[in-house]
Amino acid sequence: MYDTNYGLSESTGPGCVHLGMENIHKVGAIGIPGYRWKCKIVNEEGTEVAQGDVGELCVKGPGVMTCYYNDPQATAETLKDGWLYTGDMAKMDEDGFIFLVDRKKDVIVSGGENIYPVQIENFLSAHDKIQDVAVIGLPDERLGEITGAIISVKEGMDCTQEEIDEFCRQLPRYKRPKKIIFAEVPRNATGKIEKPALRRKYGAEQLVARQNMG
């Protein structure tokens, strides 16, 4: 049995988007809007993007919160004209099914290109020697950010940067990690990668290295 529900605490939990057993052919999607729910995918200006393009997923329905308690600024940023801006980047196919791409705060902007870490993480996870991987943006003076991959190697195996670089030749050039770091990938109690901690640690190291070079 397989099913998928999507939601967040600001929308009273899972259920505002639902796949359904009858849509098994759309595995990978989170589904379509549930009963009395609406969805749209928008760009930074709040305009709906074209079908197939990536933007921020917004939901509207009877379960959307009214506000964050004592936090009008956060409320204004998240609720706009009754729409809840989820912070999830997504795209919609020709049948109206929604596919999540990444978290908005994790998107890497490198030389004007939007890079979605989850796509690179999924690719690298297929490597025989990789146990776990996290992809983050690291500060770069010329490009704004570069893509860094923190890689945890399977126990008893050795892996080199050259092996990873060769493997990544299958990716478009702009998606290839510019910096490879072999280290443990921290995850919290729910299994999510602790990317803010990684950005603080390796972002600071990148800045120090750049200053030393200067």
N, C-alpha and C. Protein backbone atom coordinates (compact mmCIF):
# COMPACT_ATOMS: atom_id res chain seq x y z
N MET A 1 0.85 -1.19 0.00
CA MET A 1 0.00 0.00 0.00
C MET A 1 0.89 1.24 0.00
N TYR A 2 0.57 2.20 -0.85
CA TYR A 2 1.39 3.41 -0.96
C TYR A 2 0.47 4.61 -1.06
N ASP A 3 0.80 5.63 -0.29
CA ASP A 3 0.05 6.88 -0.42
C ASP A 3 0.94 8.01 0.05
N THR A 4 0.61 9.23 -0.36
CA THR A 4 1.39 10.40 0.00
C THR A 4 0.44 11.52 0.39
N ASN A 5 0.72 12.15 1.52
CA ASN A 5 0.02 13.34 1.96
C ASN A 5 1.04 14.43 2.23
N TYR A 6 0.66 15.66 1.92
CA TYR A 6 1.55 16.79 2.17
C TYR A 6 0.80 17.85 2.97
N GLY A 7 1.51 18.45 3.89
CA GLY A 7 0.96 19.58 4.64
C GLY A 7 2.00 20.09 5.60
N LEU A 8 1.65 21.07 6.39
CA LEU A 8 2.55 21.62 7.39
C LEU A 8 1.73 22.14 8.55
N SER A 9 2.38 22.40 9.66
CA SER A 9 1.64 22.77 10.87
C SER A 9 0.79 24.02 10.64
N GLU A 10 1.27 24.93 9.77
CA GLU A 10 0.50 26.15 9.49
C GLU A 10 -0.77 25.88 8.68
N SER A 11 -0.90 24.65 8.19
CA SER A 11 -2.12 24.28 7.45
C SER A 11 -2.80 23.09 8.12
N THR A 12 -2.69 23.02 9.42
CA THR A 12 -3.26 21.94 10.26
C THR A 12 -2.76 20.56 9.86
N GLY A 13 -1.51 20.49 9.43
CA GLY A 13 -0.89 19.20 9.19
C GLY A 13 -1.15 18.64 7.80
N PRO A 14 -0.79 17.35 7.58
CA PRO A 14 -0.92 16.73 6.26
C PRO A 14 -2.36 16.73 5.76
N GLY A 15 -2.50 16.78 4.44
CA GLY A 15 -3.84 16.65 3.87
C GLY A 15 -4.22 17.72 2.88
N CYS A 16 -3.49 18.85 2.85
CA CYS A 16 -3.90 19.89 1.91
C CYS A 16 -3.52 19.51 0.47
N VAL A 17 -2.51 18.63 0.33
CA VAL A 17 -2.19 18.05 -0.97
C VAL A 17 -2.11 16.55 -0.78
N HIS A 18 -2.72 15.80 -1.71
CA HIS A 18 -2.87 14.36 -1.51
C HIS A 18 -2.71 13.63 -2.83
N LEU A 19 -1.96 12.52 -2.81
CA LEU A 19 -1.75 11.76 -4.04
C LEU A 19 -2.89 10.78 -4.29
N GLY A 20 -3.14 9.88 -3.38
CA GLY A 20 -4.23 8.92 -3.54
C GLY A 20 -3.77 7.63 -4.21
N MET A 21 -4.31 6.52 -3.75
CA MET A 21 -3.93 5.20 -4.26
C MET A 21 -4.22 5.06 -5.75
N GLU A 22 -5.21 5.77 -6.23
CA GLU A 22 -5.58 5.65 -7.65
C GLU A 22 -4.56 6.32 -8.57
N ASN A 23 -3.64 7.05 -7.99
CA ASN A 23 -2.65 7.77 -8.80
C ASN A 23 -1.25 7.19 -8.63
N ILE A 24 -1.18 5.88 -8.49
CA ILE A 24 0.10 5.21 -8.28
C ILE A 24 1.07 5.49 -9.43
N HIS A 25 0.53 5.79 -10.61
CA HIS A 25 1.39 6.08 -11.77
C HIS A 25 2.11 7.42 -11.62
N LYS A 26 1.73 8.21 -10.60
CA LYS A 26 2.37 9.50 -10.37
C LYS A 26 3.29 9.46 -9.14
N VAL A 27 3.78 8.28 -8.81
CA VAL A 27 4.68 8.17 -7.66
C VAL A 27 5.85 9.14 -7.84
N GLY A 28 6.16 9.86 -6.79
CA GLY A 28 7.17 10.91 -6.84
C GLY A 28 6.55 12.27 -6.66
N ALA A 29 5.25 12.37 -7.01
CA ALA A 29 4.51 13.61 -6.78
C ALA A 29 3.92 13.60 -5.38
N ILE A 30 3.65 14.78 -4.83
CA ILE A 30 2.91 14.83 -3.56
C ILE A 30 1.41 14.80 -3.82
N GLY A 31 1.01 15.04 -5.08
CA GLY A 31 -0.39 14.90 -5.43
C GLY A 31 -1.02 16.17 -5.97
N ILE A 32 -2.32 16.28 -5.74
CA ILE A 32 -3.11 17.42 -6.17
C ILE A 32 -3.84 18.01 -4.96
N PRO A 33 -4.33 19.24 -5.04
CA PRO A 33 -5.00 19.84 -3.88
C PRO A 33 -6.16 18.99 -3.39
N GLY A 34 -6.27 18.88 -2.07
CA GLY A 34 -7.36 18.13 -1.46
C GLY A 34 -8.67 18.91 -1.49
N TYR A 35 -9.70 18.34 -0.91
CA TYR A 35 -11.04 18.93 -0.91
C TYR A 35 -11.02 20.32 -0.27
N ARG A 36 -11.48 21.32 -1.01
CA ARG A 36 -11.58 22.72 -0.60
C ARG A 36 -10.21 23.40 -0.48
N TRP A 37 -9.17 22.77 -1.02
CA TRP A 37 -7.85 23.38 -1.01
C TRP A 37 -7.48 23.84 -2.42
N LYS A 38 -6.69 24.91 -2.48
CA LYS A 38 -6.16 25.41 -3.74
C LYS A 38 -4.63 25.50 -3.62
N CYS A 39 -3.96 25.34 -4.75
CA CYS A 39 -2.50 25.47 -4.77
C CYS A 39 -2.07 26.32 -5.96
N LYS A 40 -0.97 27.02 -5.81
CA LYS A 40 -0.34 27.70 -6.93
C LYS A 40 1.15 27.71 -6.69
N ILE A 41 1.91 27.89 -7.76
CA ILE A 41 3.36 27.94 -7.68
C ILE A 41 3.81 29.28 -8.25
N VAL A 42 4.55 30.04 -7.46
CA VAL A 42 4.84 31.43 -7.83
C VAL A 42 6.33 31.73 -7.82
N ASN A 43 6.69 32.82 -8.52
CA ASN A 43 8.07 33.29 -8.51
C ASN A 43 8.27 34.29 -7.37
N GLU A 44 9.42 34.94 -7.34
CA GLU A 44 9.75 35.86 -6.25
C GLU A 44 8.79 37.05 -6.19
N GLU A 45 8.18 37.39 -7.32
CA GLU A 45 7.25 38.52 -7.36
C GLU A 45 5.82 38.10 -7.01
N GLY A 46 5.60 36.82 -6.77
CA GLY A 46 4.27 36.34 -6.44
C GLY A 46 3.42 36.01 -7.65
N THR A 47 4.03 36.02 -8.84
CA THR A 47 3.31 35.69 -10.07
C THR A 47 3.43 34.20 -10.34
N GLU A 48 2.33 33.58 -10.76
CA GLU A 48 2.36 32.15 -11.05
C GLU A 48 3.33 31.85 -12.19
N VAL A 49 4.11 30.79 -12.02
CA VAL A 49 5.07 30.38 -13.03
C VAL A 49 4.40 29.49 -14.07
N ALA A 50 5.08 29.30 -15.19
CA ALA A 50 4.55 28.44 -16.25
C ALA A 50 4.60 26.98 -15.80
N GLN A 51 3.73 26.18 -16.41
CA GLN A 51 3.70 24.75 -16.10
C GLN A 51 5.09 24.14 -16.30
N GLY A 52 5.52 23.38 -15.30
CA GLY A 52 6.81 22.72 -15.37
C GLY A 52 7.96 23.53 -14.80
N ASP A 53 7.73 24.84 -14.60
CA ASP A 53 8.78 25.67 -14.00
C ASP A 53 8.75 25.55 -12.48
N VAL A 54 9.89 25.81 -11.86
CA VAL A 54 10.00 25.70 -10.41
C VAL A 54 9.70 27.05 -9.76
N GLY A 55 8.95 27.01 -8.68
CA GLY A 55 8.64 28.20 -7.90
C GLY A 55 8.24 27.79 -6.50
N GLU A 56 7.79 28.76 -5.70
CA GLU A 56 7.38 28.45 -4.33
C GLU A 56 5.93 27.98 -4.30
N LEU A 57 5.69 26.88 -3.59
CA LEU A 57 4.35 26.33 -3.46
C LEU A 57 3.55 27.14 -2.44
N CYS A 58 2.36 27.57 -2.84
CA CYS A 58 1.45 28.29 -1.95
C CYS A 58 0.15 27.50 -1.86
N VAL A 59 -0.44 27.46 -0.67
CA VAL A 59 -1.69 26.73 -0.48
C VAL A 59 -2.73 27.65 0.16
N LYS A 60 -3.99 27.36 -0.14
CA LYS A 60 -5.09 28.17 0.40
C LYS A 60 -6.26 27.24 0.68
N GLY A 61 -6.82 27.35 1.88
CA GLY A 61 -7.92 26.47 2.23
C GLY A 61 -8.40 26.69 3.64
N PRO A 62 -9.35 25.87 4.09
CA PRO A 62 -9.98 26.09 5.39
C PRO A 62 -9.07 25.86 6.58
N GLY A 63 -7.94 25.18 6.38
CA GLY A 63 -7.07 24.88 7.51
C GLY A 63 -5.90 25.80 7.67
N VAL A 64 -5.80 26.85 6.86
CA VAL A 64 -4.65 27.75 6.97
C VAL A 64 -4.76 28.57 8.25
N MET A 65 -3.65 28.73 8.93
CA MET A 65 -3.61 29.49 10.18
C MET A 65 -4.00 30.95 9.94
N THR A 66 -4.33 31.63 11.01
CA THR A 66 -4.66 33.05 10.91
C THR A 66 -3.44 33.94 11.15
N CYS A 67 -2.49 33.45 11.97
CA CYS A 67 -1.28 34.24 12.25
C CYS A 67 -0.31 33.44 13.08
N TYR A 68 0.94 33.93 13.13
CA TYR A 68 1.89 33.45 14.12
C TYR A 68 1.67 34.28 15.39
N TYR A 69 1.66 33.62 16.54
CA TYR A 69 1.38 34.30 17.79
C TYR A 69 2.44 35.37 18.08
N ASN A 70 1.97 36.60 18.22
CA ASN A 70 2.84 37.73 18.59
C ASN A 70 4.01 37.93 17.62
N ASP A 71 3.82 37.60 16.34
CA ASP A 71 4.89 37.78 15.36
C ASP A 71 4.29 38.28 14.04
N PRO A 72 3.90 39.55 14.02
CA PRO A 72 3.26 40.09 12.82
C PRO A 72 4.17 40.10 11.59
N GLN A 73 5.48 40.25 11.78
CA GLN A 73 6.38 40.26 10.64
C GLN A 73 6.42 38.90 9.95
N ALA A 74 6.57 37.83 10.75
CA ALA A 74 6.57 36.48 10.18
C ALA A 74 5.23 36.16 9.53
N THR A 75 4.15 36.64 10.14
CA THR A 75 2.82 36.43 9.57
C THR A 75 2.70 37.08 8.20
N ALA A 76 3.18 38.32 8.10
CA ALA A 76 3.09 39.06 6.84
C ALA A 76 3.93 38.41 5.75
N GLU A 77 5.05 37.81 6.14
CA GLU A 77 5.93 37.16 5.16
C GLU A 77 5.35 35.83 4.67
N THR A 78 4.56 35.18 5.53
CA THR A 78 4.07 33.84 5.21
C THR A 78 2.65 33.84 4.66
N LEU A 79 1.81 34.75 5.13
CA LEU A 79 0.42 34.84 4.69
C LEU A 79 0.22 36.07 3.82
N LYS A 80 -0.23 35.86 2.58
CA LYS A 80 -0.47 36.97 1.66
C LYS A 80 -1.77 36.73 0.91
N ASP A 81 -2.75 37.61 1.16
CA ASP A 81 -4.07 37.50 0.52
C ASP A 81 -4.70 36.13 0.75
N GLY A 82 -4.49 35.59 1.92
CA GLY A 82 -5.09 34.29 2.25
C GLY A 82 -4.28 33.09 1.81
N TRP A 83 -3.20 33.33 1.07
CA TRP A 83 -2.33 32.25 0.61
C TRP A 83 -1.20 32.02 1.60
N LEU A 84 -0.94 30.77 1.91
CA LEU A 84 0.16 30.40 2.79
C LEU A 84 1.37 30.05 1.93
N TYR A 85 2.44 30.84 2.06
CA TYR A 85 3.68 30.59 1.33
C TYR A 85 4.48 29.55 2.12
N THR A 86 4.62 28.36 1.55
CA THR A 86 5.12 27.22 2.32
C THR A 86 6.64 27.20 2.50
N GLY A 87 7.38 27.88 1.63
CA GLY A 87 8.83 27.78 1.67
C GLY A 87 9.36 26.56 0.94
N ASP A 88 8.45 25.79 0.32
CA ASP A 88 8.85 24.63 -0.47
C ASP A 88 8.87 25.00 -1.94
N MET A 89 9.94 24.64 -2.62
CA MET A 89 10.03 24.84 -4.06
C MET A 89 9.44 23.62 -4.77
N ALA A 90 8.62 23.87 -5.77
CA ALA A 90 7.89 22.78 -6.41
C ALA A 90 7.64 23.10 -7.88
N LYS A 91 7.15 22.11 -8.59
CA LYS A 91 6.72 22.30 -9.98
C LYS A 91 5.46 21.48 -10.21
N MET A 92 4.69 21.84 -11.23
CA MET A 92 3.43 21.17 -11.52
C MET A 92 3.47 20.60 -12.94
N ASP A 93 3.01 19.36 -13.09
CA ASP A 93 3.02 18.77 -14.43
C ASP A 93 1.74 19.10 -15.19
N GLU A 94 1.62 18.53 -16.39
CA GLU A 94 0.51 18.87 -17.27
C GLU A 94 -0.84 18.39 -16.74
N ASP A 95 -0.82 17.49 -15.76
CA ASP A 95 -2.07 16.99 -15.18
C ASP A 95 -2.39 17.65 -13.85
N GLY A 96 -1.58 18.63 -13.46
CA GLY A 96 -1.84 19.35 -12.22
C GLY A 96 -1.24 18.71 -10.98
N PHE A 97 -0.41 17.67 -11.17
CA PHE A 97 0.23 17.02 -10.03
C PHE A 97 1.48 17.80 -9.63
N ILE A 98 1.67 17.94 -8.32
CA ILE A 98 2.74 18.77 -7.78
C ILE A 98 3.91 17.89 -7.33
N PHE A 99 5.11 18.32 -7.71
CA PHE A 99 6.34 17.63 -7.33
C PHE A 99 7.21 18.58 -6.53
N LEU A 100 7.63 18.17 -5.34
CA LEU A 100 8.54 18.99 -4.54
C LEU A 100 9.94 18.92 -5.13
N VAL A 101 10.65 20.04 -5.08
CA VAL A 101 12.02 20.11 -5.60
C VAL A 101 13.02 20.32 -4.48
N ASP A 102 12.75 21.27 -3.59
CA ASP A 102 13.68 21.55 -2.49
C ASP A 102 13.05 22.58 -1.57
N ARG A 103 13.74 22.89 -0.47
CA ARG A 103 13.34 23.98 0.40
C ARG A 103 13.90 25.28 -0.15
N LYS A 104 13.11 26.34 -0.11
CA LYS A 104 13.54 27.63 -0.66
C LYS A 104 14.81 28.11 0.00
N LYS A 105 14.92 27.94 1.31
CA LYS A 105 16.10 28.44 2.03
C LYS A 105 17.37 27.67 1.69
N ASP A 106 17.21 26.48 1.07
CA ASP A 106 18.38 25.67 0.72
C ASP A 106 18.84 25.86 -0.72
N VAL A 107 18.06 26.58 -1.52
CA VAL A 107 18.43 26.79 -2.92
C VAL A 107 19.74 27.56 -2.99
N ILE A 108 20.63 27.10 -3.87
CA ILE A 108 21.93 27.74 -4.08
C ILE A 108 21.84 28.60 -5.33
N VAL A 109 22.23 29.86 -5.22
CA VAL A 109 22.26 30.76 -6.37
C VAL A 109 23.72 31.01 -6.72
N SER A 110 24.14 30.42 -7.84
CA SER A 110 25.55 30.48 -8.23
C SER A 110 25.67 31.07 -9.63
N GLY A 111 26.24 32.26 -9.70
CA GLY A 111 26.38 32.92 -10.98
C GLY A 111 25.07 33.15 -11.69
N GLY A 112 24.01 33.39 -10.91
CA GLY A 112 22.70 33.65 -11.49
C GLY A 112 21.88 32.40 -11.75
N GLU A 113 22.45 31.21 -11.55
CA GLU A 113 21.73 29.95 -11.74
C GLU A 113 21.17 29.46 -10.41
N ASN A 114 19.89 29.04 -10.41
CA ASN A 114 19.31 28.39 -9.24
C ASN A 114 19.67 26.92 -9.26
N ILE A 115 20.28 26.45 -8.19
CA ILE A 115 20.68 25.05 -8.08
C ILE A 115 19.95 24.44 -6.89
N TYR A 116 19.30 23.29 -7.11
CA TYR A 116 18.49 22.65 -6.08
C TYR A 116 19.27 21.48 -5.48
N PRO A 117 19.76 21.62 -4.23
CA PRO A 117 20.62 20.61 -3.62
C PRO A 117 20.07 19.19 -3.63
N VAL A 118 18.76 19.04 -3.42
CA VAL A 118 18.19 17.69 -3.35
C VAL A 118 18.47 16.91 -4.63
N GLN A 119 18.41 17.58 -5.77
CA GLN A 119 18.66 16.89 -7.03
C GLN A 119 20.09 16.33 -7.07
N ILE A 120 21.06 17.10 -6.58
CA ILE A 120 22.45 16.65 -6.59
C ILE A 120 22.65 15.58 -5.53
N GLU A 121 22.01 15.74 -4.38
CA GLU A 121 22.10 14.72 -3.32
C GLU A 121 21.57 13.38 -3.81
N ASN A 122 20.44 13.41 -4.49
CA ASN A 122 19.87 12.16 -5.01
C ASN A 122 20.82 11.51 -6.03
N PHE A 123 21.44 12.33 -6.85
CA PHE A 123 22.38 11.82 -7.84
C PHE A 123 23.58 11.17 -7.15
N LEU A 124 24.19 11.88 -6.20
CA LEU A 124 25.39 11.37 -5.54
C LEU A 124 25.09 10.14 -4.68
N SER A 125 23.87 10.04 -4.18
CA SER A 125 23.51 8.89 -3.34
C SER A 125 23.61 7.57 -4.09
N ALA A 126 23.60 7.63 -5.41
CA ALA A 126 23.69 6.41 -6.22
C ALA A 126 25.13 5.91 -6.33
N HIS A 127 26.10 6.68 -5.88
CA HIS A 127 27.51 6.26 -5.94
C HIS A 127 27.74 5.11 -4.96
N ASP A 128 28.46 4.09 -5.41
CA ASP A 128 28.66 2.87 -4.61
C ASP A 128 29.30 3.12 -3.25
N LYS A 129 30.13 4.16 -3.16
CA LYS A 129 30.91 4.36 -1.94
C LYS A 129 30.30 5.39 -0.98
N ILE A 130 29.22 6.02 -1.38
CA ILE A 130 28.66 7.11 -0.56
C ILE A 130 27.57 6.59 0.37
N GLN A 131 27.78 6.83 1.67
CA GLN A 131 26.80 6.45 2.68
C GLN A 131 25.74 7.53 2.85
N ASP A 132 26.19 8.79 2.89
CA ASP A 132 25.26 9.91 3.07
C ASP A 132 25.89 11.15 2.44
N VAL A 133 25.05 12.10 2.07
CA VAL A 133 25.58 13.31 1.42
C VAL A 133 24.66 14.49 1.69
N ALA A 134 25.26 15.65 1.84
CA ALA A 134 24.53 16.91 1.97
C ALA A 134 25.17 17.92 1.04
N VAL A 135 24.34 18.65 0.32
CA VAL A 135 24.83 19.67 -0.60
C VAL A 135 24.38 21.04 -0.10
N ILE A 136 25.31 21.96 0.01
CA ILE A 136 25.01 23.30 0.53
C ILE A 136 25.70 24.35 -0.33
N GLY A 137 25.27 25.59 -0.16
CA GLY A 137 25.92 26.71 -0.81
C GLY A 137 27.02 27.27 0.08
N LEU A 138 28.17 27.55 -0.53
CA LEU A 138 29.29 28.15 0.19
C LEU A 138 29.60 29.51 -0.43
N PRO A 139 29.97 30.48 0.38
CA PRO A 139 30.20 31.84 -0.15
C PRO A 139 31.34 31.88 -1.16
N ASP A 140 31.13 32.66 -2.21
CA ASP A 140 32.15 32.82 -3.24
C ASP A 140 32.11 34.25 -3.75
N GLU A 141 33.26 34.87 -3.83
CA GLU A 141 33.34 36.29 -4.18
C GLU A 141 32.86 36.55 -5.60
N ARG A 142 33.16 35.65 -6.53
CA ARG A 142 32.81 35.88 -7.93
C ARG A 142 31.39 35.44 -8.28
N LEU A 143 30.99 34.26 -7.79
CA LEU A 143 29.70 33.68 -8.17
C LEU A 143 28.59 33.90 -7.14
N GLY A 144 28.96 34.46 -5.99
CA GLY A 144 27.98 34.61 -4.91
C GLY A 144 27.98 33.39 -4.02
N GLU A 145 27.73 32.23 -4.62
CA GLU A 145 27.81 30.95 -3.92
C GLU A 145 28.38 29.91 -4.86
N ILE A 146 29.02 28.91 -4.28
CA ILE A 146 29.40 27.73 -5.04
C ILE A 146 28.78 26.51 -4.35
N THR A 147 28.70 25.42 -5.07
CA THR A 147 28.09 24.21 -4.55
C THR A 147 29.13 23.36 -3.82
N GLY A 148 28.83 23.05 -2.57
CA GLY A 148 29.71 22.18 -1.79
C GLY A 148 28.99 20.89 -1.42
N ALA A 149 29.68 19.77 -1.53
CA ALA A 149 29.09 18.48 -1.17
C ALA A 149 29.85 17.90 0.01
N ILE A 150 29.13 17.68 1.12
CA ILE A 150 29.70 17.01 2.28
C ILE A 150 29.34 15.54 2.15
N ILE A 151 30.34 14.68 2.07
CA ILE A 151 30.13 13.28 1.75
C ILE A 151 30.63 12.38 2.88
N SER A 152 29.75 11.50 3.33
CA SER A 152 30.12 10.47 4.29
C SER A 152 30.31 9.16 3.52
N VAL A 153 31.51 8.61 3.60
CA VAL A 153 31.86 7.40 2.84
C VAL A 153 31.46 6.16 3.63
N LYS A 154 31.03 5.12 2.91
CA LYS A 154 30.63 3.87 3.56
C LYS A 154 31.81 3.27 4.33
N GLU A 155 31.48 2.65 5.45
CA GLU A 155 32.50 2.08 6.33
C GLU A 155 33.35 1.06 5.57
N GLY A 156 34.66 1.18 5.78
CA GLY A 156 35.58 0.24 5.16
C GLY A 156 35.98 0.59 3.74
N MET A 157 35.46 1.68 3.22
CA MET A 157 35.78 2.09 1.85
C MET A 157 36.58 3.38 1.83
N ASP A 158 37.36 3.54 0.79
CA ASP A 158 38.08 4.78 0.55
C ASP A 158 37.52 5.43 -0.71
N CYS A 159 37.49 6.75 -0.69
CA CYS A 159 36.97 7.47 -1.85
C CYS A 159 37.77 8.75 -2.02
N THR A 160 38.03 9.13 -3.25
CA THR A 160 38.82 10.33 -3.51
C THR A 160 37.99 11.39 -4.21
N GLN A 161 38.46 12.61 -4.16
CA GLN A 161 37.79 13.70 -4.86
C GLN A 161 37.76 13.43 -6.36
N GLU A 162 38.84 12.83 -6.87
CA GLU A 162 38.89 12.53 -8.31
C GLU A 162 37.77 11.58 -8.72
N GLU A 163 37.47 10.61 -7.86
CA GLU A 163 36.37 9.68 -8.16
C GLU A 163 35.03 10.41 -8.21
N ILE A 164 34.82 11.31 -7.25
CA ILE A 164 33.56 12.06 -7.21
C ILE A 164 33.47 12.99 -8.41
N ASP A 165 34.57 13.67 -8.72
CA ASP A 165 34.57 14.57 -9.87
C ASP A 165 34.23 13.82 -11.16
N GLU A 166 34.80 12.64 -11.31
CA GLU A 166 34.55 11.84 -12.51
C GLU A 166 33.08 11.40 -12.56
N PHE A 167 32.56 10.98 -11.42
CA PHE A 167 31.15 10.56 -11.34
C PHE A 167 30.22 11.71 -11.71
N CYS A 168 30.57 12.91 -11.27
CA CYS A 168 29.71 14.08 -11.49
C CYS A 168 29.77 14.63 -12.91
N ARG A 169 30.61 14.06 -13.76
CA ARG A 169 30.64 14.50 -15.16
C ARG A 169 29.31 14.21 -15.86
N GLN A 170 28.51 13.34 -15.26
CA GLN A 170 27.19 13.05 -15.82
C GLN A 170 26.20 14.19 -15.57
N LEU A 171 26.54 15.09 -14.65
CA LEU A 171 25.69 16.24 -14.34
C LEU A 171 26.01 17.40 -15.27
N PRO A 172 25.03 18.30 -15.50
CA PRO A 172 25.36 19.55 -16.21
C PRO A 172 26.47 20.27 -15.45
N ARG A 173 27.33 20.98 -16.16
CA ARG A 173 28.50 21.60 -15.54
C ARG A 173 28.13 22.48 -14.34
N TYR A 174 27.05 23.27 -14.47
CA TYR A 174 26.73 24.21 -13.39
C TYR A 174 26.24 23.52 -12.12
N LYS A 175 25.85 22.23 -12.24
CA LYS A 175 25.38 21.49 -11.06
C LYS A 175 26.49 20.71 -10.37
N ARG A 176 27.64 20.62 -10.98
CA ARG A 176 28.71 19.82 -10.39
C ARG A 176 29.27 20.51 -9.15
N PRO A 177 29.42 19.78 -8.04
CA PRO A 177 29.97 20.39 -6.83
C PRO A 177 31.36 20.96 -7.08
N LYS A 178 31.57 22.19 -6.63
CA LYS A 178 32.86 22.84 -6.79
C LYS A 178 33.81 22.52 -5.65
N LYS A 179 33.23 22.07 -4.52
CA LYS A 179 34.07 21.72 -3.37
C LYS A 179 33.54 20.42 -2.78
N ILE A 180 34.43 19.46 -2.58
CA ILE A 180 34.08 18.17 -1.98
C ILE A 180 34.69 18.10 -0.59
N ILE A 181 33.87 17.77 0.41
CA ILE A 181 34.34 17.66 1.79
C ILE A 181 33.95 16.28 2.30
N PHE A 182 34.93 15.49 2.69
CA PHE A 182 34.66 14.17 3.25
C PHE A 182 34.52 14.31 4.77
N ALA A 183 33.29 14.13 5.25
CA ALA A 183 33.00 14.30 6.67
C ALA A 183 31.65 13.65 6.98
N GLU A 184 31.33 13.58 8.27
CA GLU A 184 30.03 13.06 8.67
C GLU A 184 28.93 14.05 8.29
N VAL A 185 27.78 13.53 7.95
CA VAL A 185 26.61 14.36 7.63
C VAL A 185 25.68 14.36 8.84
N PRO A 186 25.57 15.47 9.55
CA PRO A 186 24.72 15.50 10.76
C PRO A 186 23.24 15.52 10.42
N ARG A 187 22.48 14.73 11.14
CA ARG A 187 21.02 14.70 10.98
C ARG A 187 20.38 14.84 12.36
N ASN A 188 19.19 15.47 12.39
CA ASN A 188 18.51 15.64 13.66
C ASN A 188 17.67 14.41 14.00
N ALA A 189 16.89 14.50 15.06
CA ALA A 189 16.13 13.34 15.55
C ALA A 189 15.09 12.84 14.55
N THR A 190 14.66 13.71 13.64
CA THR A 190 13.67 13.29 12.64
C THR A 190 14.32 12.83 11.34
N GLY A 191 15.66 12.84 11.30
CA GLY A 191 16.36 12.37 10.12
C GLY A 191 16.70 13.45 9.11
N LYS A 192 16.36 14.70 9.40
CA LYS A 192 16.65 15.78 8.46
C LYS A 192 18.11 16.23 8.59
N ILE A 193 18.72 16.53 7.46
CA ILE A 193 20.09 17.03 7.47
C ILE A 193 20.13 18.39 8.14
N GLU A 194 21.08 18.59 9.00
CA GLU A 194 21.21 19.87 9.71
C GLU A 194 22.01 20.85 8.85
N LYS A 195 21.37 21.34 7.82
CA LYS A 195 22.07 22.20 6.85
C LYS A 195 22.48 23.56 7.43
N PRO A 196 21.67 24.18 8.30
CA PRO A 196 22.16 25.44 8.88
C PRO A 196 23.49 25.28 9.60
N ALA A 197 23.66 24.17 10.33
CA ALA A 197 24.92 23.91 11.03
C ALA A 197 26.05 23.71 10.03
N LEU A 198 25.77 23.02 8.94
CA LEU A 198 26.80 22.80 7.92
C LEU A 198 27.19 24.11 7.25
N ARG A 199 26.19 24.96 6.97
CA ARG A 199 26.50 26.24 6.33
C ARG A 199 27.34 27.12 7.25
N ARG A 200 27.01 27.09 8.54
CA ARG A 200 27.80 27.89 9.50
C ARG A 200 29.23 27.39 9.56
N LYS A 201 29.40 26.09 9.67
CA LYS A 201 30.73 25.50 9.84
C LYS A 201 31.58 25.69 8.58
N TYR A 202 31.09 25.21 7.45
CA TYR A 202 31.91 25.21 6.25
C TYR A 202 31.88 26.55 5.52
N GLY A 203 30.82 27.32 5.73
CA GLY A 203 30.79 28.67 5.17
C GLY A 203 31.85 29.53 5.82
N ALA A 204 31.98 29.40 7.16
CA ALA A 204 33.00 30.16 7.88
C ALA A 204 34.40 29.73 7.45
N GLU A 205 34.59 28.43 7.27
CA GLU A 205 35.90 27.93 6.83
C GLU A 205 36.25 28.46 5.44
N GLN A 206 35.23 28.53 4.58
CA GLN A 206 35.46 29.04 3.22
C GLN A 206 35.89 30.50 3.26
N LEU A 207 35.24 31.28 4.12
CA LEU A 207 35.58 32.70 4.24
C LEU A 207 37.01 32.88 4.77
N VAL A 208 37.36 32.08 5.78
CA VAL A 208 38.72 32.18 6.35
C VAL A 208 39.76 31.81 5.31
N ALA A 209 39.50 30.74 4.56
CA ALA A 209 40.43 30.31 3.52
C ALA A 209 40.61 31.39 2.47
N ARG A 210 39.51 32.05 2.11
CA ARG A 210 39.58 33.11 1.10
C ARG A 210 40.37 34.30 1.62
N GLN A 211 40.17 34.64 2.90
CA GLN A 211 40.92 35.76 3.49
C GLN A 211 42.42 35.45 3.54
N ASN A 212 42.74 34.19 3.86
CA ASN A 212 44.15 33.80 3.94
C ASN A 212 44.82 33.86 2.57
N MET A 213 44.05 33.53 1.54
CA MET A 213 44.58 33.59 0.19
C MET A 213 44.81 35.03 -0.24
N GLY A 214 43.92 35.94 0.30
CA GLY A 214 44.07 37.35 -0.04
C GLY A 214 45.26 37.97 0.66
